[in-house]
PDB file of N, CA and C in Angstrom:
ATOM      1  N   UNK A   1      15.855 -17.250 -89.474  1.00  0.00           N
ATOM      2  CA  UNK A   1      16.215 -17.975 -88.341  1.00  0.00           C
ATOM      3  C   UNK A   1      15.756 -19.467 -88.432  1.00  0.00           C
ATOM      4  N   UNK A   2      16.621 -20.386 -88.063  1.00  0.00           N
ATOM      5  CA  UNK A   2      16.317 -21.819 -88.256  1.00  0.00           C
ATOM      6  C   UNK A   2      15.506 -22.239 -87.009  1.00  0.00           C
ATOM      7  N   UNK A   3      14.895 -23.397 -87.187  1.00  0.00           N
ATOM      8  CA  UNK A   3      14.098 -24.036 -86.101  1.00  0.00           C
ATOM      9  C   UNK A   3      15.010 -24.249 -84.769  1.00  0.00           C
ATOM     10  N   UNK A   4      16.193 -24.683 -85.047  1.00  0.00           N
ATOM     11  CA  UNK A   4      17.103 -24.888 -83.918  1.00  0.00           C
ATOM     12  C   UNK A   4      17.449 -23.562 -83.184  1.00  0.00           C
ATOM     13  N   UNK A   5      17.692 -22.526 -83.981  1.00  0.00           N
ATOM     14  CA  UNK A   5      18.018 -21.208 -83.434  1.00  0.00           C
ATOM     15  C   UNK A   5      16.773 -20.661 -82.644  1.00  0.00           C
ATOM     16  N   UNK A   6      15.590 -20.855 -83.249  1.00  0.00           N
ATOM     17  CA  UNK A   6      14.372 -20.411 -82.610  1.00  0.00           C
ATOM     18  C   UNK A   6      14.130 -21.128 -81.264  1.00  0.00           C
ATOM     19  N   UNK A   7      14.322 -22.516 -81.382  1.00  0.00           N
ATOM     20  CA  UNK A   7      14.183 -23.277 -80.175  1.00  0.00           C
ATOM     21  C   UNK A   7      15.189 -22.824 -79.087  1.00  0.00           C
ATOM     22  N   UNK A   8      16.380 -22.581 -79.436  1.00  0.00           N
ATOM     23  CA  UNK A   8      17.400 -22.162 -78.461  1.00  0.00           C
ATOM     24  C   UNK A   8      17.067 -20.786 -77.863  1.00  0.00           C
ATOM     25  N   UNK A   9      16.537 -19.890 -78.756  1.00  0.00           N
ATOM     26  CA  UNK A   9      16.122 -18.570 -78.250  1.00  0.00           C
ATOM     27  C   UNK A   9      15.015 -18.701 -77.282  1.00  0.00           C
ATOM     28  N   UNK A  10      13.972 -19.561 -77.614  1.00  0.00           N
ATOM     29  CA  UNK A  10      12.863 -19.779 -76.739  1.00  0.00           C
ATOM     30  C   UNK A  10      13.276 -20.376 -75.374  1.00  0.00           C
ATOM     31  N   UNK A  11      14.194 -21.353 -75.495  1.00  0.00           N
ATOM     32  CA  UNK A  11      14.652 -21.970 -74.247  1.00  0.00           C
ATOM     33  C   UNK A  11      15.410 -20.886 -73.400  1.00  0.00           C
ATOM     34  N   UNK A  12      16.236 -20.142 -73.984  1.00  0.00           N
ATOM     35  CA  UNK A  12      17.028 -19.104 -73.298  1.00  0.00           C
ATOM     36  C   UNK A  12      16.071 -18.053 -72.674  1.00  0.00           C
ATOM     37  N   UNK A  13      15.049 -17.694 -73.423  1.00  0.00           N
ATOM     38  CA  UNK A  13      14.047 -16.706 -72.967  1.00  0.00           C
ATOM     39  C   UNK A  13      13.237 -17.342 -71.745  1.00  0.00           C
ATOM     40  N   UNK A  14      12.892 -18.643 -71.916  1.00  0.00           N
ATOM     41  CA  UNK A  14      12.160 -19.317 -70.805  1.00  0.00           C
ATOM     42  C   UNK A  14      13.034 -19.396 -69.557  1.00  0.00           C
ATOM     43  N   UNK A  15      14.355 -19.795 -69.766  1.00  0.00           N
ATOM     44  CA  UNK A  15      15.271 -19.881 -68.674  1.00  0.00           C
ATOM     45  C   UNK A  15      15.410 -18.523 -67.996  1.00  0.00           C
ATOM     46  N   UNK A  16      15.589 -17.478 -68.760  1.00  0.00           N
ATOM     47  CA  UNK A  16      15.711 -16.139 -68.214  1.00  0.00           C
ATOM     48  C   UNK A  16      14.427 -15.648 -67.453  1.00  0.00           C
ATOM     49  N   UNK A  17      13.313 -16.039 -68.078  1.00  0.00           N
ATOM     50  CA  UNK A  17      12.014 -15.665 -67.444  1.00  0.00           C
ATOM     51  C   UNK A  17      11.877 -16.447 -66.100  1.00  0.00           C
ATOM     52  N   UNK A  18      12.231 -17.674 -66.146  1.00  0.00           N
ATOM     53  CA  UNK A  18      12.173 -18.506 -64.894  1.00  0.00           C
ATOM     54  C   UNK A  18      13.040 -17.899 -63.774  1.00  0.00           C
ATOM     55  N   UNK A  19      14.246 -17.513 -64.230  1.00  0.00           N
ATOM     56  CA  UNK A  19      15.261 -16.915 -63.281  1.00  0.00           C
ATOM     57  C   UNK A  19      14.650 -15.602 -62.649  1.00  0.00           C
ATOM     58  N   UNK A  20      14.037 -14.764 -63.493  1.00  0.00           N
ATOM     59  CA  UNK A  20      13.447 -13.533 -63.043  1.00  0.00           C
ATOM     60  C   UNK A  20      12.261 -13.825 -62.140  1.00  0.00           C
ATOM     61  N   UNK A  21      11.496 -14.797 -62.470  1.00  0.00           N
ATOM     62  CA  UNK A  21      10.314 -15.153 -61.672  1.00  0.00           C
ATOM     63  C   UNK A  21      10.744 -15.693 -60.295  1.00  0.00           C
ATOM     64  N   UNK A  22      11.776 -16.592 -60.347  1.00  0.00           N
ATOM     65  CA  UNK A  22      12.255 -17.182 -59.123  1.00  0.00           C
ATOM     66  C   UNK A  22      12.829 -16.122 -58.199  1.00  0.00           C
ATOM     67  N   UNK A  23      13.529 -15.106 -58.758  1.00  0.00           N
ATOM     68  CA  UNK A  23      14.186 -14.062 -57.994  1.00  0.00           C
ATOM     69  C   UNK A  23      13.087 -13.144 -57.427  1.00  0.00           C
ATOM     70  N   UNK A  24      12.028 -12.876 -58.167  1.00  0.00           N
ATOM     71  CA  UNK A  24      10.923 -12.118 -57.715  1.00  0.00           C
ATOM     72  C   UNK A  24      10.191 -12.862 -56.605  1.00  0.00           C
ATOM     73  N   UNK A  25       9.929 -14.164 -56.788  1.00  0.00           N
ATOM     74  CA  UNK A  25       9.242 -14.940 -55.804  1.00  0.00           C
ATOM     75  C   UNK A  25      10.038 -14.975 -54.492  1.00  0.00           C
ATOM     76  N   UNK A  26      11.325 -15.187 -54.609  1.00  0.00           N
ATOM     77  CA  UNK A  26      12.196 -15.196 -53.440  1.00  0.00           C
ATOM     78  C   UNK A  26      12.219 -13.812 -52.698  1.00  0.00           C
ATOM     79  N   UNK A  27      12.230 -12.767 -53.470  1.00  0.00           N
ATOM     80  CA  UNK A  27      12.199 -11.409 -52.848  1.00  0.00           C
ATOM     81  C   UNK A  27      10.910 -11.186 -52.166  1.00  0.00           C
ATOM     82  N   UNK A  28       9.857 -11.610 -52.818  1.00  0.00           N
ATOM     83  CA  UNK A  28       8.468 -11.461 -52.244  1.00  0.00           C
ATOM     84  C   UNK A  28       8.364 -12.274 -50.937  1.00  0.00           C
ATOM     85  N   UNK A  29       8.846 -13.490 -50.980  1.00  0.00           N
ATOM     86  CA  UNK A  29       8.835 -14.386 -49.783  1.00  0.00           C
ATOM     87  C   UNK A  29       9.601 -13.764 -48.668  1.00  0.00           C
ATOM     88  N   UNK A  30      10.817 -13.220 -48.917  1.00  0.00           N
ATOM     89  CA  UNK A  30      11.615 -12.532 -47.902  1.00  0.00           C
ATOM     90  C   UNK A  30      10.860 -11.367 -47.274  1.00  0.00           C
ATOM     91  N   UNK A  31      10.239 -10.596 -48.175  1.00  0.00           N
ATOM     92  CA  UNK A  31       9.441  -9.423 -47.693  1.00  0.00           C
ATOM     93  C   UNK A  31       8.304  -9.940 -46.849  1.00  0.00           C
ATOM     94  N   UNK A  32       7.565 -10.910 -47.298  1.00  0.00           N
ATOM     95  CA  UNK A  32       6.448 -11.473 -46.516  1.00  0.00           C
ATOM     96  C   UNK A  32       6.902 -11.989 -45.202  1.00  0.00           C
ATOM     97  N   UNK A  33       8.035 -12.769 -45.145  1.00  0.00           N
ATOM     98  CA  UNK A  33       8.559 -13.273 -43.892  1.00  0.00           C
ATOM     99  C   UNK A  33       8.915 -12.171 -42.983  1.00  0.00           C
ATOM    100  N   UNK A  34       9.483 -11.093 -43.493  1.00  0.00           N
ATOM    101  CA  UNK A  34       9.924  -9.945 -42.640  1.00  0.00           C
ATOM    102  C   UNK A  34       8.622  -9.237 -42.105  1.00  0.00           C
ATOM    103  N   UNK A  35       7.632  -9.128 -42.928  1.00  0.00           N
ATOM    104  CA  UNK A  35       6.380  -8.439 -42.491  1.00  0.00           C
ATOM    105  C   UNK A  35       5.706  -9.275 -41.439  1.00  0.00           C
ATOM    106  N   UNK A  36       5.710 -10.572 -41.622  1.00  0.00           N
ATOM    107  CA  UNK A  36       5.064 -11.516 -40.630  1.00  0.00           C
ATOM    108  C   UNK A  36       5.806 -11.403 -39.340  1.00  0.00           C
ATOM    109  N   UNK A  37       7.135 -11.389 -39.344  1.00  0.00           N
ATOM    110  CA  UNK A  37       8.002 -11.309 -38.120  1.00  0.00           C
ATOM    111  C   UNK A  37       7.726  -9.959 -37.411  1.00  0.00           C
ATOM    112  N   UNK A  38       7.671  -8.866 -38.152  1.00  0.00           N
ATOM    113  CA  UNK A  38       7.468  -7.511 -37.596  1.00  0.00           C
ATOM    114  C   UNK A  38       6.072  -7.483 -36.960  1.00  0.00           C
ATOM    115  N   UNK A  39       5.063  -8.004 -37.687  1.00  0.00           N
ATOM    116  CA  UNK A  39       3.702  -8.040 -37.146  1.00  0.00           C
ATOM    117  C   UNK A  39       3.656  -8.872 -35.841  1.00  0.00           C
ATOM    118  N   UNK A  40       4.399  -9.956 -35.840  1.00  0.00           N
ATOM    119  CA  UNK A  40       4.394 -10.826 -34.657  1.00  0.00           C
ATOM    120  C   UNK A  40       5.012 -10.015 -33.425  1.00  0.00           C
ATOM    121  N   UNK A  41       6.127  -9.310 -33.710  1.00  0.00           N
ATOM    122  CA  UNK A  41       6.765  -8.539 -32.647  1.00  0.00           C
ATOM    123  C   UNK A  41       5.761  -7.486 -32.095  1.00  0.00           C
ATOM    124  N   UNK A  42       5.077  -6.774 -33.020  1.00  0.00           N
ATOM    125  CA  UNK A  42       4.097  -5.771 -32.542  1.00  0.00           C
ATOM    126  C   UNK A  42       2.985  -6.414 -31.789  1.00  0.00           C
ATOM    127  N   UNK A  43       2.512  -7.567 -32.226  1.00  0.00           N
ATOM    128  CA  UNK A  43       1.429  -8.267 -31.539  1.00  0.00           C
ATOM    129  C   UNK A  43       1.902  -8.672 -30.152  1.00  0.00           C
ATOM    130  N   UNK A  44       3.172  -9.189 -30.038  1.00  0.00           N
ATOM    131  CA  UNK A  44       3.657  -9.640 -28.727  1.00  0.00           C
ATOM    132  C   UNK A  44       3.736  -8.425 -27.802  1.00  0.00           C
ATOM    133  N   UNK A  45       4.200  -7.276 -28.304  1.00  0.00           N
ATOM    134  CA  UNK A  45       4.344  -6.128 -27.454  1.00  0.00           C
ATOM    135  C   UNK A  45       2.911  -5.665 -27.032  1.00  0.00           C
ATOM    136  N   UNK A  46       1.969  -5.643 -27.934  1.00  0.00           N
ATOM    137  CA  UNK A  46       0.563  -5.248 -27.588  1.00  0.00           C
ATOM    138  C   UNK A  46       0.014  -6.212 -26.543  1.00  0.00           C
ATOM    139  N   UNK A  47       0.237  -7.519 -26.697  1.00  0.00           N
ATOM    140  CA  UNK A  47      -0.328  -8.500 -25.732  1.00  0.00           C
ATOM    141  C   UNK A  47       0.300  -8.287 -24.359  1.00  0.00           C
ATOM    142  N   UNK A  48       1.658  -8.044 -24.326  1.00  0.00           N
ATOM    143  CA  UNK A  48       2.349  -7.829 -23.081  1.00  0.00           C
ATOM    144  C   UNK A  48       1.715  -6.568 -22.386  1.00  0.00           C
ATOM    145  N   UNK A  49       1.449  -5.535 -23.129  1.00  0.00           N
ATOM    146  CA  UNK A  49       0.950  -4.303 -22.554  1.00  0.00           C
ATOM    147  C   UNK A  49      -0.463  -4.593 -22.020  1.00  0.00           C
ATOM    148  N   UNK A  50      -1.273  -5.344 -22.735  1.00  0.00           N
ATOM    149  CA  UNK A  50      -2.634  -5.655 -22.295  1.00  0.00           C
ATOM    150  C   UNK A  50      -2.626  -6.555 -21.101  1.00  0.00           C
ATOM    151  N   UNK A  51      -1.626  -7.401 -20.955  1.00  0.00           N
ATOM    152  CA  UNK A  51      -1.478  -8.297 -19.813  1.00  0.00           C
ATOM    153  C   UNK A  51      -1.294  -7.437 -18.543  1.00  0.00           C
ATOM    154  N   UNK A  52      -0.388  -6.387 -18.697  1.00  0.00           N
ATOM    155  CA  UNK A  52      -0.231  -5.448 -17.625  1.00  0.00           C
ATOM    156  C   UNK A  52      -1.454  -4.710 -17.242  1.00  0.00           C
ATOM    157  N   UNK A  53      -2.200  -4.306 -18.247  1.00  0.00           N
ATOM    158  CA  UNK A  53      -3.430  -3.555 -17.998  1.00  0.00           C
ATOM    159  C   UNK A  53      -4.468  -4.515 -17.300  1.00  0.00           C
ATOM    160  N   UNK A  54      -4.540  -5.723 -17.711  1.00  0.00           N
ATOM    161  CA  UNK A  54      -5.489  -6.671 -17.076  1.00  0.00           C
ATOM    162  C   UNK A  54      -5.152  -6.952 -15.677  1.00  0.00           C
ATOM    163  N   UNK A  55      -3.777  -7.037 -15.414  1.00  0.00           N
ATOM    164  CA  UNK A  55      -3.275  -7.291 -14.037  1.00  0.00           C
ATOM    165  C   UNK A  55      -3.651  -6.096 -13.147  1.00  0.00           C
ATOM    166  N   UNK A  56      -3.446  -4.899 -13.676  1.00  0.00           N
ATOM    167  CA  UNK A  56      -3.763  -3.669 -12.927  1.00  0.00           C
ATOM    168  C   UNK A  56      -5.321  -3.616 -12.617  1.00  0.00           C
ATOM    169  N   UNK A  57      -6.101  -3.953 -13.610  1.00  0.00           N
ATOM    170  CA  UNK A  57      -7.590  -3.964 -13.517  1.00  0.00           C
ATOM    171  C   UNK A  57      -7.946  -5.018 -12.470  1.00  0.00           C
ATOM    172  N   UNK A  58      -7.343  -6.189 -12.472  1.00  0.00           N
ATOM    173  CA  UNK A  58      -7.703  -7.251 -11.526  1.00  0.00           C
ATOM    174  C   UNK A  58      -7.348  -6.800 -10.115  1.00  0.00           C
ATOM    175  N   UNK A  59      -6.197  -6.166  -9.923  1.00  0.00           N
ATOM    176  CA  UNK A  59      -5.870  -5.707  -8.641  1.00  0.00           C
ATOM    177  C   UNK A  59      -6.800  -4.635  -8.149  1.00  0.00           C
ATOM    178  N   UNK A  60      -7.186  -3.710  -9.022  1.00  0.00           N
ATOM    179  CA  UNK A  60      -8.197  -2.689  -8.674  1.00  0.00           C
ATOM    180  C   UNK A  60      -9.511  -3.289  -8.241  1.00  0.00           C
ATOM    181  N   UNK A  61      -9.971  -4.291  -8.999  1.00  0.00           N
ATOM    182  CA  UNK A  61     -11.183  -4.945  -8.718  1.00  0.00           C
ATOM    183  C   UNK A  61     -11.137  -5.658  -7.366  1.00  0.00           C
ATOM    184  N   UNK A  62      -9.984  -6.286  -7.066  1.00  0.00           N
ATOM    185  CA  UNK A  62      -9.828  -6.940  -5.796  1.00  0.00           C
ATOM    186  C   UNK A  62      -9.889  -5.927  -4.648  1.00  0.00           C
ATOM    187  N   UNK A  63      -9.239  -4.839  -4.853  1.00  0.00           N
ATOM    188  CA  UNK A  63      -9.306  -3.786  -3.780  1.00  0.00           C
ATOM    189  C   UNK A  63     -10.725  -3.215  -3.665  1.00  0.00           C
ATOM    190  N   UNK A  64     -11.385  -3.073  -4.786  1.00  0.00           N
ATOM    191  CA  UNK A  64     -12.770  -2.598  -4.655  1.00  0.00           C
ATOM    192  C   UNK A  64     -13.636  -3.619  -3.997  1.00  0.00           C
ATOM    193  N   UNK A  65     -13.447  -4.872  -4.244  1.00  0.00           N
ATOM    194  CA  UNK A  65     -14.216  -5.898  -3.631  1.00  0.00           C
ATOM    195  C   UNK A  65     -13.988  -5.887  -2.105  1.00  0.00           C
ATOM    196  N   UNK A  66     -12.767  -5.674  -1.646  1.00  0.00           N
ATOM    197  CA  UNK A  66     -12.464  -5.556  -0.240  1.00  0.00           C
ATOM    198  C   UNK A  66     -13.191  -4.340   0.396  1.00  0.00           C
ATOM    199  N   UNK A  67     -13.154  -3.235  -0.316  1.00  0.00           N
ATOM    200  CA  UNK A  67     -13.835  -2.017   0.142  1.00  0.00           C
ATOM    201  C   UNK A  67     -15.335  -2.300   0.323  1.00  0.00           C
ATOM    202  N   UNK A  68     -15.904  -2.965  -0.702  1.00  0.00           N
ATOM    203  CA  UNK A  68     -17.353  -3.177  -0.617  1.00  0.00           C
ATOM    204  C   UNK A  68     -17.688  -4.147   0.561  1.00  0.00           C
ATOM    205  N   UNK A  69     -16.833  -5.190   0.690  1.00  0.00           N
ATOM    206  CA  UNK A  69     -17.041  -6.111   1.788  1.00  0.00           C
ATOM    207  C   UNK A  69     -16.940  -5.457   3.159  1.00  0.00           C
ATOM    208  N   UNK A  70     -15.954  -4.512   3.262  1.00  0.00           N
ATOM    209  CA  UNK A  70     -15.809  -3.787   4.468  1.00  0.00           C
ATOM    210  C   UNK A  70     -16.988  -2.859   4.709  1.00  0.00           C
ATOM    211  N   UNK A  71     -17.442  -2.110   3.717  1.00  0.00           N
ATOM    212  CA  UNK A  71     -18.564  -1.305   3.860  1.00  0.00           C
ATOM    213  C   UNK A  71     -19.824  -2.000   4.151  1.00  0.00           C
ATOM    214  N   UNK A  72     -20.023  -3.156   3.524  1.00  0.00           N
ATOM    215  CA  UNK A  72     -21.215  -4.010   3.833  1.00  0.00           C
ATOM    216  C   UNK A  72     -21.172  -4.469   5.266  1.00  0.00           C
ATOM    217  N   UNK A  73     -20.021  -4.827   5.767  1.00  0.00           N
ATOM    218  CA  UNK A  73     -19.919  -5.283   7.193  1.00  0.00           C
ATOM    219  C   UNK A  73     -20.307  -4.174   8.122  1.00  0.00           C
ATOM    220  N   UNK A  74     -19.873  -2.948   7.781  1.00  0.00           N
ATOM    221  CA  UNK A  74     -20.242  -1.764   8.591  1.00  0.00           C
ATOM    222  C   UNK A  74     -21.670  -1.506   8.522  1.00  0.00           C
ATOM    223  N   UNK A  75     -22.293  -1.542   7.327  1.00  0.00           N
ATOM    224  CA  UNK A  75     -23.738  -1.326   7.283  1.00  0.00           C
ATOM    225  C   UNK A  75     -24.538  -2.401   7.994  1.00  0.00           C
ATOM    226  N   UNK A  76     -24.049  -3.669   7.871  1.00  0.00           N
ATOM    227  CA  UNK A  76     -24.744  -4.765   8.572  1.00  0.00           C
ATOM    228  C   UNK A  76     -24.670  -4.520  10.100  1.00  0.00           C
ATOM    229  N   UNK A  77     -23.491  -4.123  10.574  1.00  0.00           N
ATOM    230  CA  UNK A  77     -23.312  -3.854  11.996  1.00  0.00           C
ATOM    231  C   UNK A  77     -24.223  -2.776  12.452  1.00  0.00           C
ATOM    232  N   UNK A  78     -24.311  -1.654  11.702  1.00  0.00           N
ATOM    233  CA  UNK A  78     -25.215  -0.502  11.985  1.00  0.00           C
ATOM    234  C   UNK A  78     -26.620  -0.970  11.950  1.00  0.00           C
ATOM    235  N   UNK A  79     -27.012  -1.806  11.063  1.00  0.00           N
ATOM    236  CA  UNK A  79     -28.410  -2.298  10.959  1.00  0.00           C
ATOM    237  C   UNK A  79     -28.751  -3.128  12.203  1.00  0.00           C
ATOM    238  N   UNK A  80     -27.800  -4.011  12.601  1.00  0.00           N
ATOM    239  CA  UNK A  80     -28.025  -4.835  13.828  1.00  0.00           C
ATOM    240  C   UNK A  80     -28.146  -3.930  15.047  1.00  0.00           C
ATOM    241  N   UNK A  81     -27.320  -2.957  15.148  1.00  0.00           N
ATOM    242  CA  UNK A  81     -27.399  -1.988  16.325  1.00  0.00           C
ATOM    243  C   UNK A  81     -28.746  -1.249  16.272  1.00  0.00           C
ATOM    244  N   UNK A  82     -29.159  -0.777  15.102  1.00  0.00           N
ATOM    245  CA  UNK A  82     -30.452  -0.115  14.968  1.00  0.00           C
ATOM    246  C   UNK A  82     -31.600  -1.046  15.389  1.00  0.00           C
ATOM    247  N   UNK A  83     -31.533  -2.242  14.951  1.00  0.00           N
ATOM    248  CA  UNK A  83     -32.614  -3.194  15.239  1.00  0.00           C
ATOM    249  C   UNK A  83     -32.635  -3.438  16.769  1.00  0.00           C
ATOM    250  N   UNK A  84     -31.507  -3.582  17.366  1.00  0.00           N
ATOM    251  CA  UNK A  84     -31.444  -3.802  18.834  1.00  0.00           C
ATOM    252  C   UNK A  84     -31.997  -2.629  19.577  1.00  0.00           C
ATOM    253  N   UNK A  85     -31.707  -1.401  19.154  1.00  0.00           N
ATOM    254  CA  UNK A  85     -32.276  -0.206  19.779  1.00  0.00           C
ATOM    255  C   UNK A  85     -33.785  -0.134  19.644  1.00  0.00           C
ATOM    256  N   UNK A  86     -34.256  -0.488  18.439  1.00  0.00           N
ATOM    257  CA  UNK A  86     -35.731  -0.511  18.164  1.00  0.00           C
ATOM    258  C   UNK A  86     -36.429  -1.551  19.109  1.00  0.00           C
ATOM    259  N   UNK A  87     -35.798  -2.702  19.175  1.00  0.00           N
ATOM    260  CA  UNK A  87     -36.358  -3.755  20.079  1.00  0.00           C
ATOM    261  C   UNK A  87     -36.369  -3.250  21.544  1.00  0.00           C
ATOM    262  N   UNK A  88     -35.355  -2.590  21.935  1.00  0.00           N
ATOM    263  CA  UNK A  88     -35.314  -2.085  23.276  1.00  0.00           C
ATOM    264  C   UNK A  88     -36.401  -1.041  23.454  1.00  0.00           C
ATOM    265  N   UNK A  89     -36.527  -0.117  22.456  1.00  0.00           N
ATOM    266  CA  UNK A  89     -37.548   0.952  22.581  1.00  0.00           C
ATOM    267  C   UNK A  89     -38.971   0.343  22.633  1.00  0.00           C
ATOM    268  N   UNK A  90     -39.200  -0.717  21.787  1.00  0.00           N
ATOM    269  CA  UNK A  90     -40.543  -1.338  21.805  1.00  0.00           C
ATOM    270  C   UNK A  90     -40.783  -2.025  23.135  1.00  0.00           C
ATOM    271  N   UNK A  91     -39.718  -2.657  23.649  1.00  0.00           N
ATOM    272  CA  UNK A  91     -39.839  -3.348  24.931  1.00  0.00           C
ATOM    273  C   UNK A  91     -40.218  -2.349  26.028  1.00  0.00           C
ATOM    274  N   UNK A  92     -39.510  -1.215  26.012  1.00  0.00           N
ATOM    275  CA  UNK A  92     -39.834  -0.184  27.084  1.00  0.00           C
ATOM    276  C   UNK A  92     -41.174   0.395  26.869  1.00  0.00           C
ATOM    277  N   UNK A  93     -41.562   0.597  25.574  1.00  0.00           N
ATOM    278  CA  UNK A  93     -42.898   1.114  25.286  1.00  0.00           C
ATOM    279  C   UNK A  93     -43.943   0.133  25.732  1.00  0.00           C
ATOM    280  N   UNK A  94     -43.703  -1.130  25.466  1.00  0.00           N
ATOM    281  CA  UNK A  94     -44.679  -2.199  25.862  1.00  0.00           C
ATOM    282  C   UNK A  94     -44.829  -2.221  27.376  1.00  0.00           C
ATOM    283  N   UNK A  95     -43.735  -2.092  28.156  1.00  0.00           N
ATOM    284  CA  UNK A  95     -43.836  -2.036  29.609  1.00  0.00           C
ATOM    285  C   UNK A  95     -44.622  -0.812  30.095  1.00  0.00           C
ATOM    286  N   UNK A  96     -44.433   0.304  29.463  1.00  0.00           N
ATOM    287  CA  UNK A  96     -45.166   1.498  29.846  1.00  0.00           C
ATOM    288  C   UNK A  96     -46.677   1.371  29.615  1.00  0.00           C
ATOM    289  N   UNK A  97     -46.971   0.738  28.408  1.00  0.00           N
ATOM    290  CA  UNK A  97     -48.356   0.559  28.065  1.00  0.00           C
ATOM    291  C   UNK A  97     -49.002  -0.427  29.102  1.00  0.00           C
ATOM    292  N   UNK A  98     -48.264  -1.481  29.408  1.00  0.00           N
ATOM    293  CA  UNK A  98     -48.810  -2.489  30.428  1.00  0.00           C
ATOM    294  C   UNK A  98     -48.973  -1.817  31.765  1.00  0.00           C
ATOM    295  N   UNK A  99     -48.067  -0.980  32.095  1.00  0.00           N
ATOM    296  CA  UNK A  99     -48.130  -0.265  33.402  1.00  0.00           C
ATOM    297  C   UNK A  99     -49.338   0.664  33.392  1.00  0.00           C
ATOM    298  N   UNK A 100     -49.537   1.353  32.287  1.00  0.00           N
ATOM    299  CA  UNK A 100     -50.705   2.268  32.256  1.00  0.00           C
ATOM    300  C   UNK A 100     -52.023   1.473  32.249  1.00  0.00           C
ATOM    301  N   UNK A 101     -51.995   0.336  31.524  1.00  0.00           N
ATOM    302  CA  UNK A 101     -53.225  -0.461  31.469  1.00  0.00           C
ATOM    303  C   UNK A 101     -53.564  -1.074  32.842  1.00  0.00           C
ATOM    304  N   UNK A 102     -52.510  -1.561  33.556  1.00  0.00           N
ATOM    305  CA  UNK A 102     -52.724  -2.139  34.861  1.00  0.00           C
ATOM    306  C   UNK A 102     -53.057  -1.079  35.958  1.00  0.00           C
ATOM    307  N   UNK A 103     -52.440  -0.002  35.713  1.00  0.00           N
ATOM    308  CA  UNK A 103     -52.635   1.092  36.676  1.00  0.00           C
ATOM    309  C   UNK A 103     -54.044   1.701  36.585  1.00  0.00           C
ATOM    310  N   UNK A 104     -54.594   1.695  35.408  1.00  0.00           N
ATOM    311  CA  UNK A 104     -55.904   2.324  35.153  1.00  0.00           C
ATOM    312  C   UNK A 104     -56.978   1.258  34.972  1.00  0.00           C
ATOM    313  N   UNK A 105     -56.677   0.046  35.022  1.00  0.00           N
ATOM    314  CA  UNK A 105     -57.627  -0.983  34.715  1.00  0.00           C
ATOM    315  C   UNK A 105     -58.474  -1.483  35.777  1.00  0.00           C
TER     316      UNK A 105
END
């Protein structure tokens, strides 16, 4: 084989190798792009589902907060009523003691 024939064979081999490499690189890029797009779709679906879960949780917490506020108001009212009754009882007890002290004094 002559130098020119060898050179032509090497160039043809290099060209063919480049074509195969380019085709493989393009196929890999298409596969990668498809995988990225599919992953993005799955991610978007997961985020959308989580947004719904977060919304439901926020609504539940708001309802729970309202129940706590309502219960706290009821407990506060009961405490104030109990304190008023205790004050009344102490006031009546104080008058009885004074009456006893003045009556026996």
